[in-house]
Protein backbone atom coordinates (compact mmCIF):
# COMPACT_ATOMS: atom_id res chain seq x y z
CA MET A 1 53.07 135.24 49.81
CA VAL A 2 50.85 134.65 52.84
CA VAL A 3 48.24 137.17 53.91
CA PRO A 4 48.53 137.76 57.67
CA ALA A 5 45.42 136.60 59.44
CA ASP A 6 45.11 139.70 61.62
CA VAL A 7 45.32 142.01 58.63
CA VAL A 8 42.65 140.11 56.71
CA SER A 9 40.41 140.02 59.77
CA ALA A 10 40.88 143.76 60.23
CA ALA A 11 39.74 144.20 56.64
CA GLY A 12 36.44 142.62 57.57
CA GLY A 13 37.03 139.08 56.37
CA VAL A 14 37.51 135.60 57.76
CA VAL A 15 40.62 133.67 56.81
CA ILE A 16 40.19 130.36 55.02
CA PRO A 17 43.29 128.23 55.61
CA SER A 18 45.07 127.02 52.50
CA GLY A 19 43.56 123.74 51.33
CA ALA A 20 40.28 124.23 53.19
CA ALA A 21 36.99 123.76 51.42
CA ALA A 22 35.29 126.80 49.97
CA SER A 23 32.25 127.91 51.93
CA ASP A 24 29.80 128.22 49.06
CA GLY A 25 28.14 124.95 48.13
CA VAL A 26 30.21 122.74 50.43
CA ALA A 27 28.49 120.95 53.28
CA GLY A 28 29.97 119.80 56.54
CA SER A 29 32.44 121.37 58.84
CA GLY A 30 34.41 124.26 57.45
CA PRO A 31 35.75 127.68 58.20
CA PRO A 32 33.49 130.27 59.77
CA VAL A 33 31.49 132.39 57.37
CA ALA A 34 31.77 136.16 57.53
CA PRO A 35 28.61 137.88 58.77
CA ARG A 36 26.54 139.71 56.22
CA ARG A 37 27.70 143.30 55.87
CA THR A 38 26.31 146.43 54.34
CA GLY A 39 27.43 147.58 50.92
CA HIS A 40 29.54 150.35 52.43
CA ASP A 41 31.35 147.95 54.76
CA ALA A 42 31.95 145.52 51.91
CA ALA A 43 33.40 148.28 49.74
CA LEU A 44 35.75 149.32 52.56
CA ALA A 45 36.84 145.71 53.04
CA ASP A 46 37.50 145.32 49.30
CA ARG A 47 39.58 148.50 49.19
CA SER A 48 41.56 147.34 52.23
CA LEU A 49 42.28 143.99 50.61
CA ILE A 50 43.31 145.63 47.34
CA ALA A 51 45.75 147.86 49.24
CA LEU A 52 46.98 144.77 51.11
CA PHE A 53 47.62 142.79 47.92
CA VAL A 54 49.36 145.71 46.24
CA GLY A 55 51.49 146.29 49.34
CA LEU A 56 52.44 142.63 49.52
CA LYS A 57 53.39 142.61 45.84
CA TRP A 58 55.62 145.63 46.39
CA ARG A 59 57.19 143.83 49.35
CA MET A 60 57.85 140.80 47.14
CA LEU A 61 59.56 143.01 44.58
CA ARG A 62 61.60 144.74 47.28
CA ASN A 63 62.67 141.44 48.85
CA GLY A 64 63.53 140.11 45.41
CA LEU A 65 65.73 143.16 44.84
CA ARG A 66 67.56 142.46 48.10
CA ARG A 67 68.15 138.86 47.09
CA ARG A 68 69.40 139.92 43.68
CA THR A 69 72.03 142.20 45.15
CA ARG A 70 73.67 139.49 47.27
CA SER A 71 76.12 138.57 44.54
CA PRO A 72 77.81 140.58 41.76
CA TRP A 73 76.38 138.41 38.98
CA ALA A 74 72.84 138.65 40.33
CA THR A 75 73.22 142.42 40.62
CA VAL A 76 74.34 142.60 37.01
CA GLY A 77 71.33 140.53 36.00
CA PHE A 78 68.95 142.80 37.86
CA VAL A 79 70.51 145.97 36.40
CA VAL A 80 70.34 144.56 32.87
CA SER A 81 66.70 143.49 33.24
CA PHE A 82 65.72 146.80 34.86
CA VAL A 83 67.41 148.90 32.17
CA ALA A 84 65.86 146.72 29.46
CA GLY A 85 62.42 147.16 31.05
CA VAL A 86 62.82 150.95 31.24
CA LEU A 87 63.99 151.13 27.61
CA CYS A 88 61.07 148.97 26.46
CA ALA A 89 58.63 151.16 28.38
CA VAL A 90 60.08 154.37 26.92
CA VAL A 91 60.19 153.02 23.36
CA GLY A 92 56.68 151.53 23.63
CA LEU A 93 55.24 154.74 25.05
CA THR A 94 56.94 156.83 22.35
CA VAL A 95 55.77 154.62 19.51
CA SER A 96 52.22 154.49 20.90
CA ILE A 97 51.99 158.25 21.26
CA ARG A 98 53.37 158.88 17.76
CA VAL A 99 51.47 156.12 15.99
CA ARG A 100 49.42 158.64 13.95
CA ALA A 101 52.50 160.59 12.89
CA LEU A 102 54.68 157.62 11.96
CA TRP A 103 52.25 155.52 9.90
CA ASP A 104 49.34 155.89 7.50
CA ASP A 105 45.97 154.20 8.06
CA ALA A 106 47.24 150.79 6.89
CA GLY A 107 50.34 151.11 9.05
CA GLN A 108 48.28 152.14 12.06
CA PHE A 109 46.06 149.08 11.62
CA ARG A 110 49.16 146.92 11.41
CA VAL A 111 50.85 148.42 14.47
CA ILE A 112 47.84 148.83 16.79
CA VAL A 113 46.01 145.57 16.08
CA GLY A 114 49.17 143.48 15.74
CA GLY A 115 50.84 145.17 18.68
CA CYS A 116 47.85 144.71 21.00
CA PHE A 117 47.56 141.07 20.01
CA ALA A 118 51.28 140.54 20.76
CA LEU A 119 51.06 142.32 24.14
CA ILE A 120 47.93 140.50 25.31
CA PHE A 121 48.95 137.07 24.04
CA GLY A 122 52.44 137.60 25.43
CA TRP A 123 50.98 138.44 28.84
CA TRP A 124 48.96 135.21 28.67
CA PHE A 125 51.86 132.85 27.99
CA GLY A 126 55.08 134.83 28.49
CA PRO A 127 55.26 134.37 32.30
CA VAL A 128 54.55 130.65 31.99
CA LEU A 129 57.32 130.25 29.43
CA ALA A 130 59.73 132.21 31.62
CA GLY A 131 59.54 129.57 34.36
CA GLY A 132 56.47 130.43 36.38
CA VAL A 133 54.59 133.49 37.54
CA ASP A 134 54.59 135.26 40.87
CA GLU A 135 52.88 133.85 43.95
CA THR A 136 49.87 136.17 43.55
CA VAL A 137 48.65 133.76 40.86
CA ASP A 138 48.72 130.69 43.07
CA PRO A 139 45.91 130.76 45.65
CA LEU A 140 47.47 127.84 47.50
CA ARG A 141 50.19 130.25 48.63
CA LEU A 142 47.58 132.52 50.23
CA ALA A 143 45.42 132.44 53.33
CA ALA A 144 42.38 133.20 51.23
CA PRO A 145 39.93 136.05 51.86
CA PRO A 146 36.37 134.95 52.66
CA HIS A 147 35.04 135.38 49.12
CA PRO A 148 36.59 134.44 45.76
CA ARG A 149 35.62 137.87 44.41
CA GLN A 150 37.93 139.52 46.94
CA LEU A 151 40.73 137.13 46.04
CA ARG A 152 40.26 137.91 42.33
CA THR A 153 40.17 141.65 42.94
CA GLY A 154 43.33 141.56 45.03
CA GLN A 155 45.17 139.42 42.50
CA ILE A 156 44.16 141.71 39.63
CA ALA A 157 45.41 144.76 41.52
CA ALA A 158 48.69 143.02 42.38
CA GLY A 159 49.05 141.85 38.79
CA PHE A 160 49.51 145.42 37.57
CA VAL A 161 52.51 145.93 39.87
CA GLY A 162 55.93 145.16 38.44
CA ILE A 163 58.32 146.00 35.60
CA ALA A 164 56.67 143.88 32.89
CA PRO A 165 53.10 145.11 33.66
CA ALA A 166 54.43 148.68 33.66
CA VAL A 167 55.88 148.15 30.18
CA VAL A 168 52.57 146.82 28.83
CA MET A 169 50.59 149.63 30.46
CA CYS A 170 52.94 152.22 28.95
CA CYS A 171 52.58 150.70 25.49
CA MET A 172 48.78 150.53 25.62
CA GLY A 173 48.31 153.69 27.65
CA GLY A 174 50.18 155.70 25.04
CA LEU A 175 47.44 154.83 22.57
CA LEU A 176 45.14 157.20 24.45
CA VAL A 177 47.14 159.95 22.77
CA GLY A 178 48.38 158.22 19.67
CA ALA A 179 45.13 156.61 18.52
CA SER A 180 42.75 159.45 19.46
CA ARG A 181 42.12 161.86 16.59
CA SER A 182 39.99 164.22 18.69
CA LEU A 183 39.22 164.89 22.34
CA THR A 184 35.66 163.61 21.96
CA VAL A 185 36.80 160.03 21.35
CA VAL A 186 39.24 159.88 24.27
CA PRO A 187 36.68 158.38 26.72
CA VAL A 188 35.82 155.55 24.31
CA VAL A 189 39.50 154.89 23.62
CA ALA A 190 40.15 154.85 27.37
CA VAL A 191 37.43 152.23 27.86
CA ALA A 192 38.86 150.12 25.03
CA VAL A 193 42.36 150.33 26.51
CA ALA A 194 41.10 149.40 29.99
CA VAL A 195 39.16 146.42 28.66
CA GLY A 196 42.25 145.28 26.72
CA LEU A 197 44.41 145.44 29.83
CA LEU A 198 41.84 143.49 31.83
CA LEU A 199 41.66 140.88 29.07
CA ALA A 200 45.44 140.49 29.26
CA LEU A 201 45.63 140.16 33.03
CA VAL A 202 42.46 138.16 33.73
CA GLY A 203 43.23 135.84 30.82
CA SER A 204 46.73 135.31 32.14
CA ARG A 205 45.42 134.52 35.63
CA ALA A 206 42.79 132.14 34.27
CA ILE A 207 45.35 130.27 32.17
CA ALA A 208 47.93 130.06 34.96
CA THR A 209 45.40 128.86 37.55
CA THR A 210 43.94 126.29 35.14
CA LEU A 211 47.39 124.94 34.30
CA ALA A 212 48.26 124.81 37.99
CA ARG A 213 45.23 122.66 38.66
CA LEU A 214 45.84 120.42 35.66
CA ALA A 215 49.44 119.90 36.77
CA ARG A 216 48.22 117.97 39.82
CA SER A 217 47.58 114.87 37.74
CA ARG A 218 49.99 113.10 35.45
CA ARG A 219 47.88 113.30 32.30
CA GLY A 220 46.60 116.73 33.18
CA GLY A 221 50.16 117.86 33.83
CA ASP A 222 51.18 116.66 30.37
CA ALA A 223 48.25 118.54 28.81
CA ALA A 224 49.11 121.66 30.81
CA THR A 225 52.73 121.42 29.73
CA LEU A 226 51.72 121.10 26.09
CA VAL A 227 49.37 124.08 26.24
CA ALA A 228 51.87 126.27 28.09
CA VAL A 229 54.83 125.42 25.91
CA LEU A 230 52.89 125.73 22.65
CA GLY A 231 51.55 129.12 23.72
CA GLY A 232 55.00 130.27 24.80
CA SER A 233 56.48 128.92 21.57
CA VAL A 234 54.04 131.02 19.56
CA VAL A 235 55.19 134.11 21.47
CA PHE A 236 58.86 133.26 20.94
CA ALA A 237 58.52 132.22 17.31
CA GLY A 238 56.37 135.23 16.42
CA ALA A 239 58.91 137.64 17.89
CA GLN A 240 61.73 135.96 15.96
CA LEU A 241 60.05 135.24 12.63
CA ILE A 242 58.33 138.57 12.06
CA ARG A 243 61.49 140.08 10.59
CA PHE A 244 61.45 137.50 7.80
CA LEU A 245 57.87 138.24 6.71
CA THR A 246 56.83 140.63 3.96
CA ILE A 247 54.27 143.38 4.51
CA ASP A 248 51.64 141.40 2.61
CA GLN A 249 52.24 138.33 4.78
CA ILE A 250 52.02 140.42 7.95
CA ASP A 251 48.76 142.01 6.77
CA ALA A 252 47.32 138.58 5.93
CA ALA A 253 48.22 137.27 9.39
CA ILE A 254 46.76 140.31 11.15
CA GLY A 255 43.63 139.97 9.02
CA VAL A 256 43.06 136.63 10.74
CA LEU A 257 44.22 137.69 14.22
CA ARG A 258 41.87 140.68 14.24
CA TRP A 259 38.96 138.30 14.95
CA THR A 260 40.56 136.82 18.06
CA PRO A 261 39.83 138.44 21.47
CA PRO A 262 43.24 140.18 21.64
CA GLY A 263 42.81 141.35 18.06
CA LEU A 264 39.30 142.64 18.77
CA ALA A 265 40.69 144.66 21.69
CA GLY A 266 43.30 146.27 19.45
CA GLU A 267 40.82 146.98 16.67
CA ALA A 268 38.41 148.52 19.18
CA ILE A 269 41.14 151.00 20.17
CA LEU A 270 41.88 151.77 16.53
CA LEU A 271 38.25 152.33 15.51
CA ALA A 272 37.43 154.31 18.63
CA GLY A 273 40.34 156.63 17.91
CA ARG A 274 39.07 157.18 14.37
CA GLY A 275 35.64 158.12 15.65
CA GLU A 276 33.88 154.97 14.46
CA VAL A 277 32.19 154.58 17.82
CA ALA A 278 29.50 152.08 16.84
CA ALA A 279 32.00 149.67 15.29
CA ALA A 280 34.28 150.09 18.28
CA LEU A 281 31.53 149.59 20.87
CA TRP A 282 30.45 146.12 19.75
CA ARG A 283 34.10 145.02 19.80
CA ILE A 284 34.46 146.45 23.29
CA VAL A 285 31.32 144.59 24.37
CA VAL A 286 32.59 141.30 22.94
CA THR A 287 36.00 141.81 24.57
CA ALA A 288 34.36 142.69 27.90
CA ALA A 289 32.26 139.52 27.64
CA MET A 290 35.47 137.53 27.14
CA VAL A 291 36.88 139.20 30.26
CA GLY A 292 33.76 138.19 32.17
CA LEU A 293 33.92 134.60 30.95
CA SER A 294 37.63 134.41 31.76
CA GLY A 295 36.96 135.82 35.21
CA ALA A 296 34.17 133.33 35.85
CA TRP A 297 36.38 130.44 34.74
CA TRP A 298 39.24 131.77 36.84
CA SER A 299 36.97 131.99 39.88
CA ARG A 300 35.82 128.41 39.32
CA GLN A 301 39.38 127.15 39.07
CA ILE A 302 40.42 129.07 42.20
CA GLY A 303 37.61 127.46 44.20
CA ARG A 304 38.42 123.98 42.95
CA LEU A 305 42.16 124.44 43.45
CA ILE A 306 41.65 125.50 47.07
CA ALA A 307 38.92 122.98 47.90
CA GLU A 308 40.40 119.85 46.32
CA PRO A 309 42.88 117.88 48.41
CA MET A 310 46.42 117.56 47.10
CA ASP A 311 45.99 113.85 46.33
CA VAL A 312 42.90 114.43 44.17
CA VAL A 313 44.84 113.23 41.16
CA GLY A 314 44.51 109.64 42.25
CA SER A 315 48.17 109.14 43.01
CA ARG A 316 48.93 105.84 44.63
CA PRO A 317 50.70 105.73 47.99
CA ALA A 318 54.15 104.24 48.10
CA THR A 319 54.07 100.57 49.03
CA VAL A 320 56.64 97.91 49.62
CA ALA A 321 56.30 94.83 47.42
CA GLY A 322 58.56 91.88 47.82
CA GLY A 323 60.96 93.81 50.02
CA SER A 324 61.63 96.41 47.31
CA MET A 325 60.45 99.99 47.19
CA PRO A 326 58.48 101.08 44.08
CA LEU A 327 61.58 103.00 43.00
CA PHE A 328 62.99 99.71 41.75
CA ALA A 329 59.70 98.20 40.62
CA GLY A 330 59.00 96.90 37.12
CA ALA A 331 61.18 97.73 34.16
CA VAL A 332 63.41 100.19 36.01
CA ARG A 333 64.52 97.63 38.62
CA SER A 334 65.33 95.04 35.98
CA ARG A 335 67.61 97.38 34.06
CA VAL A 336 69.77 99.04 36.72
CA PRO A 337 72.27 97.36 39.04
CA PRO A 338 71.50 97.33 42.78
CA THR A 339 74.25 99.84 43.54
CA PRO A 340 74.31 103.49 44.68
CA SER A 341 74.83 104.56 41.08
CA GLY A 342 71.95 102.38 39.95
CA ALA A 343 69.71 103.88 42.65
CA ALA A 344 70.59 107.39 41.46
CA VAL A 345 69.81 106.48 37.84
CA ALA A 346 66.51 104.88 38.82
CA ARG A 347 65.58 107.96 40.84
CA GLU A 348 66.14 110.32 37.93
CA LEU A 349 64.24 108.11 35.50
CA LEU A 350 61.33 107.93 37.91
CA TYR A 351 61.34 111.69 38.48
CA LEU A 352 61.47 112.30 34.75
CA ARG A 353 58.46 110.06 34.28
CA ARG A 354 56.31 111.38 37.12
CA SER A 355 57.35 114.97 37.79
CA PRO A 356 55.34 117.71 36.01
CA GLY A 357 58.25 120.09 36.60
CA ARG A 358 60.74 117.77 34.88
CA ARG A 359 58.43 117.04 31.96
CA THR A 360 57.67 120.73 31.57
CA ALA A 361 61.36 121.58 31.30
CA LEU A 362 62.03 118.75 28.84
CA ALA A 363 59.03 119.63 26.66
CA ALA A 364 59.88 123.34 26.71
CA GLY A 365 63.48 122.71 25.73
CA THR A 366 62.43 120.37 22.93
CA ILE A 367 59.67 122.47 21.37
CA LEU A 368 61.54 125.75 21.68
CA GLY A 369 64.63 124.08 20.27
CA VAL A 370 62.74 122.87 17.20
CA VAL A 371 61.23 126.34 16.76
CA TYR A 372 64.65 127.97 16.97
CA VAL A 373 66.06 125.58 14.37
CA VAL A 374 63.25 126.64 12.03
CA ILE A 375 64.12 130.30 12.69
CA VAL A 376 67.81 129.70 11.95
CA LEU A 377 67.06 127.80 8.75
CA THR A 378 64.59 130.47 7.66
CA ALA A 379 67.35 133.05 7.96
CA ALA A 380 69.86 130.80 6.17
CA LYS A 381 67.30 129.70 3.53
CA VAL A 382 68.54 126.13 3.65
CA VAL A 383 67.23 122.88 5.15
CA THR A 384 69.75 120.39 6.49
CA PRO A 385 69.95 118.01 9.47
CA LEU A 386 73.36 119.54 10.25
CA ALA A 387 71.48 122.42 11.92
CA ALA A 388 69.75 120.06 14.41
CA PRO A 389 72.36 120.55 17.20
CA VAL A 390 71.13 124.17 17.47
CA ALA A 391 67.97 122.75 19.07
CA THR A 392 69.90 121.90 22.23
CA MET A 393 70.52 125.53 23.23
CA PHE A 394 67.41 125.69 25.44
CA ALA A 395 68.45 122.53 27.30
CA LEU A 396 71.96 123.71 28.13
CA GLN A 397 70.94 124.75 31.65
CA TYR A 398 70.80 121.07 32.60
CA GLY A 399 74.43 120.80 31.53
CA SER A 400 75.85 123.79 33.39
CA ASN A 401 73.53 123.56 36.43
CA GLN A 402 73.56 119.85 37.19
CA LEU A 403 73.69 120.29 40.97
CA GLY A 404 70.82 122.79 41.00
CA VAL A 405 68.22 120.40 39.57
CA ASP A 406 66.12 119.28 42.55
CA PRO A 407 68.32 120.73 45.33
CA ALA A 408 66.63 118.49 47.93
CA ALA A 409 68.44 115.52 46.39
CA PHE A 410 71.78 117.22 47.01
CA TRP A 411 70.93 117.72 50.68
CA ILE A 412 70.03 114.02 50.99
CA GLU A 413 73.29 113.04 49.33
CA VAL A 414 75.28 115.16 51.77
CA SER A 415 73.49 113.40 54.63
CA ILE A 416 73.92 109.80 53.47
CA GLY A 417 77.31 110.23 51.76
CA PRO A 418 77.07 108.08 48.59
CA PRO A 419 80.19 107.50 46.48
CA PRO A 420 81.19 110.44 44.25
CA ALA A 421 80.41 108.42 41.13
CA ALA A 422 76.81 107.96 42.25
CA ARG A 423 76.49 111.70 42.78
CA TRP A 424 77.31 112.50 39.16
CA VAL A 425 76.06 109.60 37.07
CA ALA A 426 72.35 110.43 37.40
CA ARG A 427 72.87 114.15 36.81
CA GLN A 428 74.95 113.47 33.73
CA MET A 429 72.29 111.09 32.47
CA LEU A 430 69.61 113.76 32.95
CA ALA A 431 71.73 116.32 31.09
CA SER A 432 72.33 113.83 28.27
CA ILE A 433 68.59 113.16 27.90
CA ALA A 434 67.83 116.88 27.95
CA LEU A 435 70.34 117.45 25.13
CA ALA A 436 69.50 114.36 23.10
CA VAL A 437 65.71 114.68 22.86
CA PRO A 438 65.63 118.12 21.16
CA PHE A 439 68.39 117.06 18.78
CA VAL A 440 66.69 113.81 17.78
CA CYS A 441 63.33 115.50 17.18
CA SER A 442 64.84 118.28 15.07
CA ALA A 443 67.19 115.99 13.17
CA LEU A 444 64.45 113.55 12.16
CA VAL A 445 62.15 116.33 10.99
CA LEU A 446 64.90 118.00 8.96
CA ALA A 447 66.01 114.68 7.46
CA VAL A 448 62.47 113.85 6.33
CA VAL A 449 61.98 117.32 4.82
CA SER A 450 65.37 117.55 3.12
CA GLY A 451 66.02 113.88 2.35
CA GLU A 452 69.67 114.33 3.44
CA TRP A 453 70.07 111.09 5.37
CA VAL A 454 73.86 111.09 5.10
CA ASP A 455 73.92 114.50 6.79
CA LEU A 456 71.65 113.05 9.49
CA LEU A 457 74.30 110.38 10.13
CA GLY A 458 77.03 113.01 10.30
CA ALA A 459 75.06 115.20 12.72
CA THR A 460 74.34 112.15 14.91
CA ILE A 461 78.02 111.19 15.06
CA ALA A 462 78.95 114.78 15.91
CA MET A 463 76.42 114.86 18.77
CA LEU A 464 77.49 111.43 20.07
CA GLY A 465 80.93 112.87 20.66
CA ALA A 466 79.82 116.30 21.84
CA VAL A 467 77.21 115.29 24.44
CA PRO A 468 79.59 113.38 26.76
CA ALA A 469 82.09 116.22 26.58
CA LEU A 470 79.42 118.82 27.35
CA VAL A 471 78.01 116.96 30.34
CA GLY A 472 81.51 116.37 31.67
CA LEU A 473 82.32 120.07 31.40
CA GLY A 474 79.01 120.78 33.08
CA SER A 475 80.00 118.63 36.04
CA VAL A 476 83.12 120.76 36.48
CA VAL A 477 81.39 124.17 36.35
CA SER A 478 78.15 123.19 38.09
CA PRO A 479 79.43 123.76 41.65
CA MET A 480 80.27 127.35 40.71
CA LEU A 481 76.96 128.00 38.94
CA ALA A 482 74.54 125.96 41.08
CA THR A 483 71.13 127.67 41.13
CA PRO A 484 68.19 126.00 42.90
CA ILE A 485 65.54 124.69 40.51
CA PRO A 486 63.01 122.97 42.79
CA ASP A 487 61.18 119.97 41.42
CA SER A 488 57.86 121.79 41.73
CA GLY A 489 54.65 119.90 41.15
CA ASN A 490 53.09 123.21 40.12
CA PRO A 491 55.47 124.74 37.55
CA PHE A 492 52.88 127.35 36.55
CA GLY A 493 51.86 128.84 39.87
CA SER A 494 55.12 129.97 41.45
CA ARG A 495 58.59 130.94 40.45
CA GLN A 496 61.06 128.11 40.51
CA SER A 497 64.00 130.29 41.40
CA MET A 498 63.96 133.67 43.09
CA GLN A 499 67.68 134.37 43.12
CA GLY A 500 67.79 136.71 40.18
CA THR A 501 70.55 134.67 38.52
CA GLY A 502 69.13 134.85 35.03
CA CYS A 503 72.10 136.89 33.80
CA LEU A 504 74.56 134.33 35.18
CA ALA A 505 72.60 131.48 33.59
CA ALA A 506 72.53 133.36 30.27
CA ILE A 507 76.31 133.89 30.36
CA ALA A 508 76.87 130.23 31.20
CA GLY A 509 74.47 129.25 28.42
CA MET A 510 76.35 131.36 25.89
CA GLY A 511 79.63 129.80 27.00
CA TYR A 512 78.11 126.36 26.63
CA LEU A 513 76.77 127.29 23.20
CA VAL A 514 80.27 128.28 22.11
CA ALA A 515 81.71 125.05 23.55
CA GLY A 516 79.06 123.02 21.76
CA GLY A 517 79.81 124.79 18.50
CA VAL A 518 83.53 124.09 18.88
CA LEU A 519 82.81 120.42 19.51
CA VAL A 520 80.14 119.91 16.84
CA ALA A 521 80.87 122.19 13.89
CA PRO A 522 84.34 120.91 12.87
CA ALA A 523 83.18 117.31 13.06
CA GLU A 524 80.06 118.00 10.99
CA LEU A 525 81.99 119.94 8.34
CA GLY A 526 84.65 117.25 8.09
CA LEU A 527 82.10 114.43 7.83
CA ARG A 528 80.07 116.30 5.21
CA TRP A 529 83.18 117.12 3.15
CA THR A 530 84.41 113.51 3.10
CA SER A 531 80.94 112.07 2.38
CA GLN A 532 80.40 114.37 -0.60
CA ARG A 533 83.70 113.18 -2.08
CA GLY A 534 83.04 109.53 -1.31
CA GLU A 535 86.13 109.25 0.91
CA TRP A 536 84.54 106.89 3.38
CA LEU A 537 87.79 105.76 4.97
CA ALA A 538 88.54 109.36 5.93
CA TYR A 539 84.91 109.65 7.05
CA LEU A 540 85.36 106.76 9.48
CA GLY A 541 88.66 108.19 10.69
CA ILE A 542 87.11 111.60 11.48
CA ALA A 543 84.20 109.91 13.25
CA ALA A 544 86.53 107.73 15.35
CA VAL A 545 88.77 110.65 16.33
CA HIS A 546 85.77 112.82 17.24
CA LEU A 547 84.22 110.11 19.41
CA MET A 548 87.51 109.41 21.16
CA VAL A 549 88.00 113.12 21.89
CA GLY A 550 84.49 113.32 23.36
CA VAL A 551 85.08 110.29 25.58
CA LEU A 552 88.49 111.60 26.66
CA VAL A 553 87.06 115.00 27.63
CA TRP A 554 84.23 113.29 29.51
CA ARG A 555 86.56 110.96 31.44
CA THR A 556 88.94 113.78 32.38
CA THR A 557 86.30 116.27 33.47
CA THR A 558 84.19 113.68 35.30
CA ARG A 559 87.21 112.39 37.21
CA PHE A 560 88.04 115.95 38.27
CA ALA A 561 84.40 116.58 39.33
CA ARG A 562 84.36 113.39 41.43
CA THR A 563 87.51 114.34 43.32
CA ARG A 564 86.26 117.88 43.93
CA ILE A 565 82.66 117.29 45.03
CA ASP A 566 83.51 116.69 48.70
CA ASP A 567 85.47 119.95 48.88
CA VAL A 568 82.65 122.13 47.50
CA GLU A 569 79.72 120.65 49.42
CA LEU A 570 79.37 123.56 51.82
CA GLU A 571 79.56 126.13 49.03
CA VAL A 572 76.92 124.35 46.98
CA MET A 573 74.67 123.88 50.01
CA HIS A 574 74.87 127.62 50.65
CA ARG A 575 73.87 128.34 47.05
CA LEU A 576 70.96 125.91 47.21
CA ASP A 577 69.68 126.98 50.64
CA GLN A 578 66.15 128.25 50.04
CA ARG A 579 66.14 130.03 53.40
CA LEU A 580 68.91 132.27 52.08
CA ASN A 581 67.85 132.50 48.44
CA GLY A 582 64.10 132.83 48.71
């Protein structure tokens, strides 16, 4: 989203080009500084910029709707997400309004404090976990207004526009009625609700901008990935595990969370509604102070993100040493053959090592996979390494969308025309790594906890046969499901895909999950049954047959994908064309 220069100038500001140094505290040549204006003129300019940001956000949503209706599957995805958002808003508003009628004092404490914590913390990390947040978070996508305060104000206003913000506002806004026990406390409750909403939005912006800046460096990008994925994992795990907790365990958890900023915001609403104004006010003051600190930190990160050059991370320029490009330098060059297939493998290994976007996806799939295994085992009340293959479900997109990972590489391949084998080997390797890492992490943890090392061997054999088959099947379906996933160096500041194909990806993921279950479950059950009875000859026979089936499926599907890739190039290029898809 780029703010038109004439519109910003008409609002009374001076445009700072993206990447230019901020005017305050920076010496030397720079953009012109806006003349000092009266308070009335400044207020008019701020209101104009707020209206501009809100209008641009609405335009983004409208354009996104147009993109989502270009294909039947994308339309289905949009309809499903829209209906789900409306239902969540209606249910949240109803529950908030009737909170006094549905629960006693203890239940109200549980629902209001726990619910506010979940909404605020979810707003902090939910967008990051979902694959990025809208462009209003990333100041590098804007021609910045002349003062960071105006940029913050515009981004805050735009942040309240959309389906997800509307759901949160409905849930918390309903507490004006549900939590208030008399008309006299409504103003205090309204202040508490407003401060809570600001804490959610400003905190989310501060986190996203900080992670975007950290992602510029390799170590910082790893730290940003860890923070984002851990925060998103807490949101995901909390939503899944809460149904397994007793009331006493929930109360104990909320008793701790009430002292966190999101918990203080919820408790301020609760106490204000009960008429305990003094107790509510100091919580409101503390929460407001956290909003101010978050806003100050956000402003600092915005200034540094805009002012710092893109190569501030200390990245080294590409050099030629000994006639070889750095792509083949060191250990990578010594382990791959000097062929087109070797070049493709080296490229993917290098990208996986250096790309924040790739490492983010791998870390997210691994951590969320481990968390989901814990959830499944909690429901089953059993611990076994045989459940470790479940951890791969969040990495299945790499299997069914092999051509969509880094679409620029596909365009280069179309231009230079490498052999079909070279076009698939690296993508299959990337899919194999994405599936193997979550499994290995989960399997080792479960084996250590349970001590079932024989089951670990069985699960490993089952996955050794299933992974080649899955990546081969993915090569066959990928041309039909190709969705652009740019290799973004800033995975936290902008959406990676604006096609609205989440429904299609979910359907493909479910199909892949079923295929994985068909490949893994029979082998695991057979290996476990024979090992428990000590029939090791039958154990080896099942393992050999399973591995041969996996290799046979891989060879057949890969051969078909190689012969078909030239025929589907134009279709895939159309799907990956960012000019058409956002």
